[in-house]
N, C-alpha and C. Protein backbone atom coordinates (compact mmCIF):
# COMPACT_ATOMS: atom_id res chain seq x y z
N UNK A 1 123.06 88.94 89.98
CA UNK A 1 122.84 88.84 91.34
C UNK A 1 121.76 87.58 91.07
N UNK A 2 121.69 87.23 92.63
CA UNK A 2 120.78 86.18 93.06
C UNK A 2 119.43 86.74 93.87
N UNK A 3 118.32 86.19 93.55
CA UNK A 3 117.34 86.40 94.30
C UNK A 3 116.84 85.01 95.06
N UNK A 4 116.64 84.79 96.17
CA UNK A 4 116.22 83.68 96.74
C UNK A 4 117.07 82.26 96.44
N UNK A 5 118.49 82.65 95.94
CA UNK A 5 119.22 81.72 95.67
C UNK A 5 119.30 81.24 94.38
N UNK A 6 118.71 82.16 93.48
CA UNK A 6 118.57 81.71 91.97
C UNK A 6 119.14 82.93 91.15
N UNK A 7 119.89 82.84 90.09
CA UNK A 7 120.71 83.83 89.55
C UNK A 7 119.43 84.52 88.57
N UNK A 8 119.23 85.74 88.61
CA UNK A 8 118.42 86.55 87.87
C UNK A 8 119.09 87.12 86.49
N UNK A 9 120.38 87.01 86.59
CA UNK A 9 121.13 88.15 85.52
C UNK A 9 121.43 89.13 85.96
N UNK A 10 121.88 90.08 85.28
CA UNK A 10 122.71 91.53 85.78
C UNK A 10 121.95 92.81 85.57
N UNK A 11 120.85 92.27 84.75
CA UNK A 11 119.96 93.54 84.43
C UNK A 11 119.79 94.40 85.83
N UNK A 12 119.44 93.98 86.66
CA UNK A 12 119.00 94.79 87.95
C UNK A 12 120.12 95.37 88.87
N UNK A 13 121.42 94.80 88.55
CA UNK A 13 122.41 94.94 89.50
C UNK A 13 122.56 96.54 89.71
N UNK A 14 122.62 97.38 88.67
CA UNK A 14 122.85 98.84 88.92
C UNK A 14 121.79 99.35 89.72
N UNK A 15 120.50 98.98 89.45
CA UNK A 15 119.38 99.54 89.95
C UNK A 15 119.21 99.04 91.39
N UNK A 16 119.61 97.92 91.97
CA UNK A 16 119.60 97.13 93.11
C UNK A 16 120.54 98.27 93.93
N UNK A 17 121.93 98.56 93.41
CA UNK A 17 122.96 99.42 94.10
C UNK A 17 122.42 100.56 94.31
N UNK A 18 121.63 101.20 93.50
CA UNK A 18 121.22 102.83 93.41
C UNK A 18 120.13 102.77 94.76
N UNK A 19 119.43 101.65 94.75
CA UNK A 19 118.17 101.68 95.86
C UNK A 19 118.87 101.44 97.06
N UNK A 20 119.95 100.27 97.12
CA UNK A 20 120.38 99.96 98.63
C UNK A 20 121.13 100.93 99.23
N UNK A 21 121.98 102.00 98.09
CA UNK A 21 122.66 103.15 98.84
C UNK A 21 121.61 104.33 99.16
N UNK A 22 120.34 104.53 98.33
CA UNK A 22 119.47 105.22 99.17
C UNK A 22 118.80 104.81 100.56
N UNK A 23 118.68 103.65 100.43
CA UNK A 23 117.98 102.97 101.83
C UNK A 23 119.27 103.24 102.80
N UNK A 24 120.24 103.01 102.77
CA UNK A 24 121.39 103.35 103.61
C UNK A 24 121.45 104.75 104.17
N UNK A 25 121.65 105.72 103.26
CA UNK A 25 121.76 106.93 103.42
C UNK A 25 120.68 107.98 103.53
N UNK A 26 119.51 107.50 103.07
CA UNK A 26 118.13 108.18 103.30
C UNK A 26 117.18 107.80 104.29
N UNK A 27 117.13 106.42 104.35
CA UNK A 27 116.15 105.74 105.46
C UNK A 27 116.91 105.03 106.48
N UNK A 28 118.26 105.20 106.35
CA UNK A 28 119.11 104.94 107.28
C UNK A 28 118.53 103.44 108.14
N UNK A 29 118.75 102.71 107.22
CA UNK A 29 118.44 101.32 107.38
C UNK A 29 118.87 100.30 106.58
N UNK A 30 119.12 98.96 106.82
CA UNK A 30 119.77 97.93 105.75
C UNK A 30 118.40 97.51 104.90
N UNK A 31 118.98 96.73 103.98
CA UNK A 31 118.08 96.26 102.96
C UNK A 31 118.42 94.52 102.81
N UNK A 32 117.20 94.10 103.06
CA UNK A 32 117.33 92.57 102.75
C UNK A 32 116.30 91.95 101.83
N UNK A 33 116.53 91.01 101.17
CA UNK A 33 115.48 90.26 100.39
C UNK A 33 115.38 88.93 100.81
N UNK A 34 114.01 88.50 101.22
CA UNK A 34 113.67 87.20 101.62
C UNK A 34 112.64 86.74 100.75
N UNK A 35 112.40 85.49 100.94
CA UNK A 35 111.09 84.68 100.61
C UNK A 35 110.11 84.65 101.41
N UNK A 36 108.98 84.50 100.93
CA UNK A 36 107.86 84.43 101.93
C UNK A 36 106.61 83.80 101.10
N UNK A 37 105.70 83.46 101.99
CA UNK A 37 104.50 82.75 101.31
C UNK A 37 103.07 83.26 101.74
N UNK A 38 102.44 84.00 100.61
CA UNK A 38 101.47 84.94 100.92
C UNK A 38 100.52 84.93 99.95
N UNK A 39 99.47 86.22 99.73
CA UNK A 39 98.61 86.22 99.04
C UNK A 39 99.13 87.19 97.67
N UNK A 40 100.32 87.84 97.78
CA UNK A 40 100.74 88.48 96.76
C UNK A 40 102.06 87.86 96.23
N UNK A 41 102.69 88.31 95.26
CA UNK A 41 103.93 87.85 94.65
C UNK A 41 105.19 88.76 95.37
N UNK A 42 104.85 89.80 95.94
CA UNK A 42 106.00 90.58 96.20
C UNK A 42 105.38 91.60 97.12
N UNK A 43 106.35 92.02 98.25
CA UNK A 43 106.12 93.15 98.96
C UNK A 43 107.02 93.68 99.45
N UNK A 44 106.91 94.84 100.14
CA UNK A 44 108.00 95.56 100.75
C UNK A 44 107.61 96.13 102.24
N UNK A 45 108.55 95.62 103.14
CA UNK A 45 108.17 95.84 104.53
C UNK A 45 109.12 96.58 105.32
N UNK A 46 108.74 97.98 105.58
CA UNK A 46 109.40 98.81 106.34
C UNK A 46 109.32 98.50 107.83
N UNK A 47 110.70 98.30 108.37
CA UNK A 47 110.82 98.06 109.89
C UNK A 47 111.73 99.16 110.10
N UNK A 48 111.80 99.16 111.45
CA UNK A 48 112.59 100.20 112.43
C UNK A 48 114.24 100.06 111.74
N UNK A 49 114.65 98.91 112.00
CA UNK A 49 116.07 98.76 111.69
C UNK A 49 116.38 98.34 110.29
N UNK A 50 115.40 97.95 109.46
CA UNK A 50 115.79 97.39 108.15
C UNK A 50 114.58 97.33 107.13
N UNK A 51 114.67 97.34 105.79
CA UNK A 51 113.68 97.31 104.82
C UNK A 51 113.78 95.81 104.43
N UNK A 52 112.79 95.12 104.26
CA UNK A 52 112.73 93.82 103.88
C UNK A 52 111.90 93.53 102.40
N UNK A 53 112.71 93.38 101.40
CA UNK A 53 112.02 92.99 100.14
C UNK A 53 111.46 91.50 100.11
N UNK A 54 110.12 91.46 100.09
CA UNK A 54 109.71 89.89 100.10
C UNK A 54 109.28 89.53 98.91
N UNK A 55 109.74 88.45 98.30
CA UNK A 55 109.43 87.66 97.09
C UNK A 55 108.99 86.29 97.30
N UNK A 56 107.79 85.98 96.56
CA UNK A 56 106.95 84.76 96.87
C UNK A 56 108.00 83.76 96.36
N UNK A 57 108.05 82.62 97.26
CA UNK A 57 108.72 81.36 96.76
C UNK A 57 108.36 80.63 95.96
N UNK A 58 107.03 80.92 95.26
CA UNK A 58 106.62 80.02 94.16
C UNK A 58 106.92 80.96 92.78
N UNK A 59 107.28 81.93 92.87
CA UNK A 59 107.65 82.76 91.46
C UNK A 59 108.89 81.73 90.71
N UNK A 60 108.53 81.54 89.67
CA UNK A 60 109.32 80.54 88.80
C UNK A 60 110.73 81.39 88.54
N UNK A 61 111.76 80.99 88.10
CA UNK A 61 112.87 81.46 88.14
C UNK A 61 113.08 82.57 86.91
N UNK A 62 112.52 82.10 85.82
CA UNK A 62 112.44 82.99 84.64
C UNK A 62 111.46 84.40 84.89
N UNK A 63 110.56 84.48 85.85
CA UNK A 63 109.90 85.62 86.21
C UNK A 63 110.57 86.18 87.43
N UNK A 64 111.37 85.72 88.10
CA UNK A 64 112.02 86.34 89.33
C UNK A 64 112.43 88.05 89.02
N UNK A 65 113.09 88.08 88.05
CA UNK A 65 113.68 89.15 87.57
C UNK A 65 112.68 90.22 87.69
N UNK A 66 111.61 90.28 87.00
CA UNK A 66 110.66 91.35 86.90
C UNK A 66 109.93 91.47 88.10
N UNK A 67 109.59 90.05 88.90
CA UNK A 67 108.75 90.37 89.98
C UNK A 67 109.81 91.20 91.15
N UNK A 68 111.25 90.88 91.24
CA UNK A 68 112.14 91.56 91.90
C UNK A 68 112.21 92.96 91.57
N UNK A 69 112.22 93.44 90.02
CA UNK A 69 112.30 94.73 89.68
C UNK A 69 111.11 95.38 90.13
N UNK A 70 109.93 94.94 89.95
CA UNK A 70 108.54 95.54 90.48
C UNK A 70 108.87 96.21 92.03
N UNK A 71 109.16 95.37 92.95
CA UNK A 71 109.38 95.44 94.19
C UNK A 71 110.33 96.36 94.59
N UNK A 72 111.58 96.60 93.66
CA UNK A 72 112.39 97.61 93.91
C UNK A 72 112.03 98.89 93.54
N UNK A 73 111.19 98.97 92.56
CA UNK A 73 110.47 100.35 91.99
C UNK A 73 109.51 100.83 93.10
N UNK A 74 108.64 99.98 93.52
CA UNK A 74 107.92 100.33 94.68
C UNK A 74 108.56 100.82 95.71
N UNK A 75 109.75 100.32 96.20
CA UNK A 75 110.57 100.83 97.15
C UNK A 75 111.09 102.21 96.80
N UNK A 76 111.51 102.42 95.74
CA UNK A 76 111.87 103.72 94.97
C UNK A 76 110.75 104.70 95.04
N UNK A 77 109.69 104.48 94.78
CA UNK A 77 108.56 105.31 94.91
C UNK A 77 108.38 105.95 96.27
N UNK A 78 108.65 104.98 97.31
CA UNK A 78 108.49 105.67 98.64
C UNK A 78 109.60 106.45 98.74
N UNK A 79 110.52 106.14 98.71
CA UNK A 79 111.84 106.88 99.10
C UNK A 79 111.73 108.44 98.06
N UNK A 80 111.13 108.36 96.88
CA UNK A 80 110.76 109.43 96.16
C UNK A 80 109.40 110.15 96.70
N UNK A 81 108.85 109.72 97.98
CA UNK A 81 107.69 110.30 98.31
C UNK A 81 106.44 110.18 97.36
N UNK A 82 106.26 108.98 96.61
CA UNK A 82 105.06 108.96 95.92
C UNK A 82 103.86 108.85 96.89
N UNK A 83 102.74 109.09 96.60
CA UNK A 83 101.47 109.17 97.45
C UNK A 83 101.07 107.81 97.83
N UNK A 84 100.49 107.52 98.73
CA UNK A 84 100.05 106.23 99.34
C UNK A 84 98.48 106.18 99.50
N UNK A 85 97.85 105.12 99.30
CA UNK A 85 96.48 105.09 99.71
C UNK A 85 96.24 104.12 100.90
N UNK A 86 95.53 104.86 101.86
CA UNK A 86 95.70 104.37 103.28
C UNK A 86 94.22 104.38 103.60
N UNK A 87 94.18 103.64 104.86
CA UNK A 87 92.88 103.74 105.72
C UNK A 87 92.23 105.03 106.06
N UNK A 88 91.13 105.52 105.60
CA UNK A 88 90.63 106.91 106.18
C UNK A 88 90.11 106.84 107.63
N UNK A 89 90.16 107.90 108.43
CA UNK A 89 89.64 108.00 109.71
C UNK A 89 88.42 107.87 109.74
N UNK A 90 88.14 106.72 109.46
CA UNK A 90 86.60 106.33 109.61
C UNK A 90 86.44 104.84 110.49
N UNK A 91 85.33 104.97 111.43
CA UNK A 91 85.64 103.78 112.29
C UNK A 91 85.41 102.21 111.72
N UNK A 92 84.33 102.43 111.20
CA UNK A 92 83.81 101.12 110.56
C UNK A 92 84.21 101.07 109.01
N UNK A 93 84.76 99.93 108.86
CA UNK A 93 85.20 99.67 107.36
C UNK A 93 84.59 98.39 106.89
N UNK A 94 84.20 98.49 105.67
CA UNK A 94 83.59 96.99 105.13
C UNK A 94 84.33 96.00 104.87
N UNK A 95 84.22 94.69 104.88
CA UNK A 95 84.88 93.74 104.53
C UNK A 95 85.60 93.68 102.99
N UNK A 96 86.72 93.61 102.88
CA UNK A 96 87.40 93.82 101.64
C UNK A 96 87.76 95.30 101.26
N UNK A 97 87.75 96.23 102.44
CA UNK A 97 88.31 97.62 101.81
C UNK A 97 89.57 97.70 101.64
N UNK A 98 90.57 96.89 102.51
CA UNK A 98 92.03 97.01 102.33
C UNK A 98 92.48 96.54 100.64
N UNK A 99 91.29 95.49 100.28
CA UNK A 99 91.55 94.72 98.66
C UNK A 99 91.50 95.99 97.78
N UNK A 100 90.40 96.82 98.07
CA UNK A 100 90.05 98.08 97.30
C UNK A 100 91.07 98.91 97.25
N UNK A 101 91.61 99.23 98.47
CA UNK A 101 92.62 100.32 98.63
C UNK A 101 94.06 99.82 97.72
N UNK A 102 94.15 98.18 97.95
CA UNK A 102 95.45 97.96 97.13
C UNK A 102 95.17 98.32 95.76
N UNK A 103 93.71 97.84 95.23
CA UNK A 103 93.58 97.99 93.85
C UNK A 103 93.65 99.49 93.08
N UNK A 104 93.17 100.23 94.06
CA UNK A 104 93.42 101.83 93.73
C UNK A 104 94.89 102.12 93.75
N UNK A 105 95.77 101.70 94.65
CA UNK A 105 97.24 102.01 94.72
C UNK A 105 97.92 101.40 93.25
N UNK A 106 97.62 100.32 93.18
CA UNK A 106 98.22 99.50 92.21
C UNK A 106 97.69 100.15 90.63
N UNK A 107 96.55 100.89 90.72
CA UNK A 107 96.18 101.23 89.22
C UNK A 107 96.97 102.40 88.71
N UNK A 108 97.57 102.89 89.84
CA UNK A 108 98.38 104.00 89.23
C UNK A 108 99.86 104.05 89.64
N UNK A 109 100.15 103.10 90.94
CA UNK A 109 101.64 103.19 90.97
C UNK A 109 102.27 101.72 90.04
N UNK A 110 101.55 100.93 89.75
CA UNK A 110 101.95 99.93 88.92
C UNK A 110 102.58 100.25 87.48
N UNK A 111 101.66 100.95 86.69
CA UNK A 111 102.39 101.56 85.48
C UNK A 111 103.39 102.49 85.78
N UNK A 112 103.64 103.15 86.67
CA UNK A 112 104.48 104.24 87.01
C UNK A 112 106.02 103.10 87.34
N UNK A 113 105.65 102.05 87.76
CA UNK A 113 106.98 101.39 88.21
C UNK A 113 107.36 100.56 86.71
N UNK A 114 106.26 100.38 85.89
CA UNK A 114 106.70 99.66 84.78
C UNK A 114 107.44 100.73 83.91
N UNK A 115 106.99 101.90 83.92
CA UNK A 115 107.72 102.76 82.85
C UNK A 115 109.19 102.81 83.12
N UNK A 116 109.66 102.66 84.61
CA UNK A 116 111.03 102.73 84.86
C UNK A 116 111.69 101.31 84.37
N UNK A 117 110.94 100.25 84.31
CA UNK A 117 111.52 98.78 84.17
C UNK A 117 111.51 98.64 82.58
N UNK A 118 110.71 99.15 82.02
CA UNK A 118 110.77 98.77 80.34
C UNK A 118 111.84 98.78 79.71
N UNK A 119 112.83 99.71 80.06
CA UNK A 119 114.23 99.68 79.15
C UNK A 119 114.88 98.44 79.35
N UNK A 120 114.80 97.78 80.79
CA UNK A 120 115.32 96.52 80.79
C UNK A 120 114.86 95.30 80.30
N UNK A 121 113.64 95.52 79.66
CA UNK A 121 113.26 94.05 78.76
C UNK A 121 113.01 92.98 79.72
N UNK A 122 112.91 93.13 80.86
CA UNK A 122 112.55 91.86 81.79
C UNK A 122 111.25 91.10 81.09
N UNK A 123 111.52 90.12 81.57
CA UNK A 123 110.37 88.79 81.28
C UNK A 123 109.06 89.02 82.05
N UNK A 124 107.97 89.78 81.92
CA UNK A 124 106.82 89.63 82.51
C UNK A 124 105.68 88.85 82.22
N UNK A 125 105.92 87.87 81.29
CA UNK A 125 104.91 86.93 80.73
C UNK A 125 104.15 86.24 81.82
N UNK A 126 104.83 85.64 82.82
CA UNK A 126 104.07 84.91 83.84
C UNK A 126 103.38 85.65 84.62
N UNK A 127 103.67 86.99 85.07
CA UNK A 127 102.94 87.68 85.88
C UNK A 127 101.69 88.21 84.99
N UNK A 128 101.91 88.59 83.72
CA UNK A 128 100.57 88.75 83.11
C UNK A 128 99.62 87.93 82.67
N UNK A 129 100.04 86.48 82.50
CA UNK A 129 99.35 85.30 82.64
C UNK A 129 98.53 85.15 83.90
N UNK A 130 99.36 85.34 85.12
CA UNK A 130 98.78 85.10 86.09
C UNK A 130 97.53 85.98 86.48
N UNK A 131 97.69 87.40 86.04
CA UNK A 131 96.40 88.28 86.28
C UNK A 131 95.41 87.74 85.21
N UNK A 132 95.97 87.20 84.04
CA UNK A 132 94.86 87.22 83.28
C UNK A 132 94.04 86.20 83.69
N UNK A 133 94.75 84.82 84.16
CA UNK A 133 93.68 83.91 84.55
C UNK A 133 93.10 84.18 85.67
N UNK A 134 93.57 84.91 86.67
CA UNK A 134 93.06 85.43 87.96
C UNK A 134 91.46 86.11 87.61
N UNK A 135 91.61 86.95 86.46
CA UNK A 135 90.31 87.65 86.07
C UNK A 135 89.42 86.71 85.58
N UNK A 136 90.06 85.83 84.67
CA UNK A 136 89.00 84.85 84.11
C UNK A 136 88.09 83.75 85.28
N UNK A 137 88.76 83.63 86.26
CA UNK A 137 88.38 82.95 87.19
C UNK A 137 87.46 83.73 88.12
N UNK A 138 87.68 85.17 88.15
CA UNK A 138 86.57 85.94 89.05
C UNK A 138 85.36 85.94 87.82
N UNK A 139 85.53 86.30 86.96
CA UNK A 139 84.31 86.26 85.77
C UNK A 139 83.45 85.14 85.68
N UNK A 140 84.00 83.96 86.10
CA UNK A 140 83.26 82.93 85.81
C UNK A 140 81.99 82.65 86.40
N UNK A 141 81.90 83.19 87.42
CA UNK A 141 80.53 83.10 88.30
C UNK A 141 80.58 84.27 89.41
N UNK A 142 81.00 85.54 88.98
CA UNK A 142 80.66 86.56 89.82
C UNK A 142 79.47 86.70 90.80
N UNK A 143 79.72 86.91 92.20
CA UNK A 143 78.43 87.39 92.83
C UNK A 143 77.35 88.32 92.46
N UNK A 144 76.04 88.13 92.38
CA UNK A 144 75.34 89.00 91.83
C UNK A 144 75.35 90.57 92.14
N UNK A 145 75.69 90.77 93.64
CA UNK A 145 75.87 92.05 94.02
C UNK A 145 77.01 92.82 93.51
N UNK A 146 77.86 92.10 92.80
CA UNK A 146 79.07 92.82 92.47
C UNK A 146 78.73 93.60 91.07
N UNK A 147 77.52 93.79 90.67
CA UNK A 147 77.23 94.81 89.68
C UNK A 147 76.07 95.70 90.24
N UNK A 148 76.21 95.82 91.67
CA UNK A 148 75.15 96.68 92.35
C UNK A 148 75.95 97.93 92.83
N UNK A 149 75.49 98.97 92.73
CA UNK A 149 76.28 100.17 93.18
C UNK A 149 76.41 100.33 94.99
N UNK A 150 77.40 100.74 95.34
CA UNK A 150 77.72 100.83 96.64
C UNK A 150 78.21 99.36 97.34
N UNK A 151 78.64 98.66 96.49
CA UNK A 151 79.07 97.39 96.94
C UNK A 151 80.52 97.09 96.94
N UNK A 152 81.36 96.81 97.88
CA UNK A 152 82.86 96.73 97.80
C UNK A 152 83.41 96.05 96.51
N UNK A 153 82.58 94.83 96.09
CA UNK A 153 82.95 94.17 95.12
C UNK A 153 82.79 94.78 93.67
N UNK A 154 81.90 95.74 93.72
CA UNK A 154 81.57 96.47 92.30
C UNK A 154 82.95 97.41 92.32
N UNK A 155 83.25 98.21 93.46
CA UNK A 155 84.25 98.97 93.66
C UNK A 155 85.51 98.61 92.95
N UNK A 156 86.02 97.02 93.68
CA UNK A 156 86.98 96.31 93.28
C UNK A 156 87.13 96.21 91.69
N UNK A 157 85.95 95.62 91.31
CA UNK A 157 86.02 95.33 89.85
C UNK A 157 86.14 96.57 88.89
N UNK A 158 85.37 97.48 89.51
CA UNK A 158 85.42 98.80 88.66
C UNK A 158 87.41 99.13 88.42
N UNK A 159 87.92 99.25 89.49
CA UNK A 159 89.40 99.30 89.71
C UNK A 159 90.01 98.30 88.82
N UNK A 160 89.79 97.07 88.81
CA UNK A 160 90.55 96.09 87.98
C UNK A 160 90.21 96.15 86.47
N UNK A 161 89.12 96.47 86.23
CA UNK A 161 88.62 96.71 84.80
C UNK A 161 89.51 98.20 84.22
N UNK A 162 89.84 99.05 85.22
CA UNK A 162 90.71 100.19 84.60
C UNK A 162 92.19 99.78 84.53
N UNK A 163 92.52 99.41 85.37
CA UNK A 163 94.20 98.45 85.32
C UNK A 163 94.26 97.83 84.22
N UNK A 164 93.40 96.66 83.91
CA UNK A 164 93.50 95.93 82.69
C UNK A 164 93.15 96.54 81.42
N UNK A 165 92.38 97.70 81.39
CA UNK A 165 92.45 98.57 80.25
C UNK A 165 93.72 99.31 79.91
N UNK A 166 94.40 99.66 81.00
CA UNK A 166 95.55 100.46 80.76
C UNK A 166 96.72 99.66 80.78
N UNK A 167 97.07 98.51 81.24
CA UNK A 167 98.14 97.65 81.63
C UNK A 167 98.05 96.10 80.61
N UNK A 168 96.93 95.76 80.66
CA UNK A 168 96.89 94.28 80.02
C UNK A 168 97.13 94.39 78.32
N UNK A 169 98.10 93.31 77.98
CA UNK A 169 98.08 93.40 76.34
C UNK A 169 96.98 93.11 75.54
N UNK A 170 96.86 94.08 74.73
CA UNK A 170 95.47 94.37 73.98
C UNK A 170 94.99 92.94 73.52
N UNK A 171 95.75 91.96 73.07
CA UNK A 171 95.22 90.76 72.13
C UNK A 171 94.69 89.91 73.55
N UNK A 172 94.97 90.10 75.00
CA UNK A 172 94.57 89.18 75.77
C UNK A 172 93.56 89.89 76.40
N UNK A 173 93.37 91.25 76.48
CA UNK A 173 92.25 92.04 77.20
C UNK A 173 91.00 91.98 76.51
N UNK A 174 90.80 92.11 75.05
CA UNK A 174 89.61 92.08 74.32
C UNK A 174 88.75 90.98 74.84
N UNK A 175 89.19 90.07 74.78
CA UNK A 175 87.93 88.85 75.26
C UNK A 175 87.58 88.94 76.47
N UNK A 176 88.57 89.35 77.64
CA UNK A 176 88.29 89.57 78.86
C UNK A 176 87.32 90.74 79.16
N UNK A 177 87.65 91.63 78.39
CA UNK A 177 86.60 92.90 78.47
C UNK A 177 85.09 92.77 77.83
N UNK A 178 85.12 92.08 77.02
CA UNK A 178 83.73 91.62 76.44
C UNK A 178 82.82 90.92 77.46
N UNK A 179 83.50 90.02 77.89
CA UNK A 179 82.98 88.98 78.99
C UNK A 179 82.47 89.93 80.26
N UNK A 180 83.45 90.63 80.80
CA UNK A 180 83.45 91.68 81.88
C UNK A 180 82.17 92.22 81.44
N UNK A 181 82.43 93.11 80.52
CA UNK A 181 81.20 94.00 79.93
C UNK A 181 79.76 93.59 79.86
N UNK A 182 79.62 92.08 79.72
CA UNK A 182 78.38 91.48 79.69
C UNK A 182 78.10 91.07 80.83
N UNK A 183 79.01 90.73 81.77
CA UNK A 183 78.45 90.38 83.14
C UNK A 183 78.40 91.39 84.52
N UNK A 184 79.44 92.43 84.11
CA UNK A 184 79.18 93.39 85.18
C UNK A 184 79.31 94.69 84.49
N UNK A 185 78.30 95.00 84.05
CA UNK A 185 78.14 96.37 83.10
C UNK A 185 78.47 97.66 84.02
N UNK A 186 77.76 97.59 85.06
CA UNK A 186 78.12 98.65 86.05
C UNK A 186 79.82 98.94 86.29
N UNK A 187 80.22 97.85 86.72
CA UNK A 187 81.27 98.10 87.43
C UNK A 187 82.58 98.56 86.06
N UNK A 188 81.86 97.94 84.74
CA UNK A 188 82.63 98.26 83.91
C UNK A 188 82.53 99.78 83.24
N UNK A 189 81.35 100.37 83.60
CA UNK A 189 81.20 101.80 83.28
C UNK A 189 81.85 102.69 84.30
N UNK A 190 82.13 102.27 85.63
CA UNK A 190 82.70 103.10 86.40
C UNK A 190 84.04 102.93 86.22
N UNK A 191 84.56 101.47 85.86
CA UNK A 191 86.16 101.48 85.24
C UNK A 191 86.45 102.45 84.27
N UNK A 192 85.52 102.54 83.35
CA UNK A 192 85.91 103.09 82.01
C UNK A 192 86.03 104.78 82.41
N UNK A 193 85.21 105.35 83.35
CA UNK A 193 85.41 106.63 83.98
C UNK A 193 86.93 106.83 84.85
N UNK A 194 87.16 105.59 85.37
CA UNK A 194 88.48 105.88 86.15
C UNK A 194 89.67 106.04 85.21
N UNK A 195 89.65 105.12 84.04
CA UNK A 195 90.46 105.19 82.99
C UNK A 195 90.61 106.58 82.66
N UNK A 196 89.71 107.25 82.28
CA UNK A 196 89.73 108.40 81.81
C UNK A 196 90.29 109.58 82.70
N UNK A 197 90.23 109.35 84.16
CA UNK A 197 90.76 110.36 85.19
C UNK A 197 92.30 110.05 85.05
N UNK A 198 92.75 108.75 85.11
CA UNK A 198 94.00 108.18 84.84
C UNK A 198 94.87 108.85 83.59
N UNK A 199 94.14 108.62 82.44
CA UNK A 199 94.65 108.96 81.55
C UNK A 199 94.85 110.62 81.40
N UNK A 200 94.02 111.21 82.04
CA UNK A 200 94.17 112.73 82.04
C UNK A 200 95.32 113.29 82.82
N UNK A 201 95.50 112.69 84.21
CA UNK A 201 96.61 113.03 84.87
C UNK A 201 97.78 112.14 84.83
N UNK A 202 97.65 111.01 84.38
CA UNK A 202 99.06 110.08 84.24
C UNK A 202 99.54 109.80 85.52
N UNK A 203 100.85 109.45 85.48
CA UNK A 203 101.90 109.14 86.23
C UNK A 203 103.04 109.39 86.39
N UNK A 204 103.35 110.71 85.89
CA UNK A 204 104.71 111.09 85.48
C UNK A 204 105.17 111.92 86.65
N UNK A 205 105.47 111.33 87.64
CA UNK A 205 105.88 111.83 89.29
C UNK A 205 104.81 112.02 90.21
N UNK A 206 105.70 112.23 91.44
CA UNK A 206 104.36 112.10 92.64
C UNK A 206 103.37 113.15 92.66
N UNK A 207 103.35 114.27 91.91
CA UNK A 207 102.41 115.01 91.89
C UNK A 207 101.24 114.58 90.86
N UNK A 208 101.71 113.88 89.85
CA UNK A 208 100.74 113.36 88.94
C UNK A 208 100.02 112.37 89.21
N UNK A 209 100.70 111.29 90.14
CA UNK A 209 100.08 109.99 90.58
C UNK A 209 99.11 110.73 91.79
N UNK A 210 99.42 111.59 92.71
CA UNK A 210 98.71 112.24 93.66
C UNK A 210 97.24 112.56 92.84
N UNK A 211 97.29 113.38 91.76
CA UNK A 211 96.21 113.90 91.06
C UNK A 211 95.25 112.48 90.37
N UNK A 212 96.03 111.51 90.02
CA UNK A 212 95.15 110.43 89.36
C UNK A 212 94.61 109.69 90.68
N UNK A 213 95.24 109.55 91.52
CA UNK A 213 94.53 108.66 92.74
C UNK A 213 93.81 109.44 93.58
N UNK A 214 93.61 110.70 93.67
CA UNK A 214 92.73 111.41 94.42
C UNK A 214 91.39 111.44 93.23
N UNK A 215 91.82 111.83 92.15
CA UNK A 215 90.58 111.95 91.16
C UNK A 215 89.74 110.52 90.70
N UNK A 216 90.55 109.63 90.85
CA UNK A 216 89.90 108.25 90.80
C UNK A 216 89.09 107.91 91.89
N UNK A 217 89.68 108.19 93.13
CA UNK A 217 88.97 107.86 94.33
C UNK A 217 87.75 108.53 94.41
N UNK A 218 87.44 109.91 93.96
CA UNK A 218 86.57 110.78 93.92
C UNK A 218 85.60 110.39 93.04
N UNK A 219 86.11 110.11 91.62
CA UNK A 219 85.20 109.68 90.79
C UNK A 219 84.30 108.72 91.18
N UNK A 220 84.79 107.52 91.68
CA UNK A 220 84.12 106.13 92.04
C UNK A 220 83.63 106.39 93.56
N UNK A 221 83.77 107.34 94.09
CA UNK A 221 83.06 107.87 95.38
C UNK A 221 83.65 106.97 96.53
N UNK A 222 84.88 106.55 96.59
CA UNK A 222 85.39 105.67 97.60
C UNK A 222 86.02 106.50 98.81
N UNK A 223 85.61 107.59 99.12
CA UNK A 223 86.04 108.45 100.49
C UNK A 223 85.61 107.53 101.56
N UNK A 224 85.00 106.62 101.66
CA UNK A 224 84.82 106.20 103.06
C UNK A 224 85.80 105.00 103.00
N UNK A 225 86.53 104.45 102.21
CA UNK A 225 87.34 103.24 102.09
C UNK A 225 88.81 103.53 102.02
N UNK A 226 89.25 104.80 101.55
CA UNK A 226 90.23 105.23 100.61
C UNK A 226 90.69 106.70 101.13
N UNK A 227 92.03 106.89 101.70
CA UNK A 227 92.22 108.36 101.97
C UNK A 227 93.40 108.09 101.19
N UNK A 228 93.98 109.44 100.41
CA UNK A 228 95.23 109.49 99.94
C UNK A 228 95.99 110.34 100.62
N UNK A 229 97.34 109.69 100.98
CA UNK A 229 98.30 110.54 101.88
C UNK A 229 99.25 111.02 100.64
N UNK A 230 99.58 112.32 100.84
CA UNK A 230 100.84 113.02 100.27
C UNK A 230 101.94 112.86 101.26
N UNK A 231 102.91 112.10 100.53
CA UNK A 231 104.10 111.82 101.24
C UNK A 231 105.23 113.17 101.37
N UNK A 232 104.83 113.65 100.64
CA UNK A 232 105.77 115.20 100.57
C UNK A 232 105.55 116.09 101.56
N UNK A 233 103.92 116.43 101.98
CA UNK A 233 103.63 117.21 102.89
C UNK A 233 102.99 116.33 104.19
N UNK A 234 102.79 115.09 104.19
CA UNK A 234 102.17 114.18 105.06
C UNK A 234 100.80 114.56 105.17
N UNK A 235 100.13 115.43 104.25
CA UNK A 235 98.71 115.58 104.16
C UNK A 235 97.70 114.49 103.85
N UNK A 236 96.98 114.19 104.31
CA UNK A 236 95.83 113.25 104.10
C UNK A 236 94.66 113.93 103.22
N UNK A 237 94.23 113.30 102.17
CA UNK A 237 93.27 113.83 101.32
C UNK A 237 92.07 112.84 101.33
């Protein structure tokens, strides 16, 4: 199949057909794939008449299949009523709160998506390298308050530490981990606690993901910036 006019091979043909059929029969919408330019490499936009899978136009050809596959899996997660991280019913939100919610969401739902993509052996090197370089850039000169409790930057880096510890290739993570632990020890300490929570509950289905998200949110005391929605019951936790 083609994404953004580029051939990505056949590995995702069956998966796309399955998701497209579910979108038509369960969500009663059409499914389209479009290019965009933004701060992320992919996104899923639910509209009244259609669902748009958005893929960044700057993604190189060799990385398109995996980027598109991840977006497909996040769409499948919503169809399967996996939980979401949403803004809590608190009037005032600190700057950067949405970034923290996104980091919490990805900590649990990203490895669940990768679990389903693993049998397809898609090339994820470009994305791994992008995350690796992004973390190196953040660690080059982090703001001093990022290592202070109650600061949104500390929350974000704690979640990033946890995600890297769970997902990043060991040979690439070891050096970053040492640098991060040297420069942001409190964030790493909190991130280590988050890793323990996720490894306890895992991501093997909507229920496990819900337990992990709520557990990490509570462990890091993020109730003021993150509520967890159980899409199976519409309950806000």
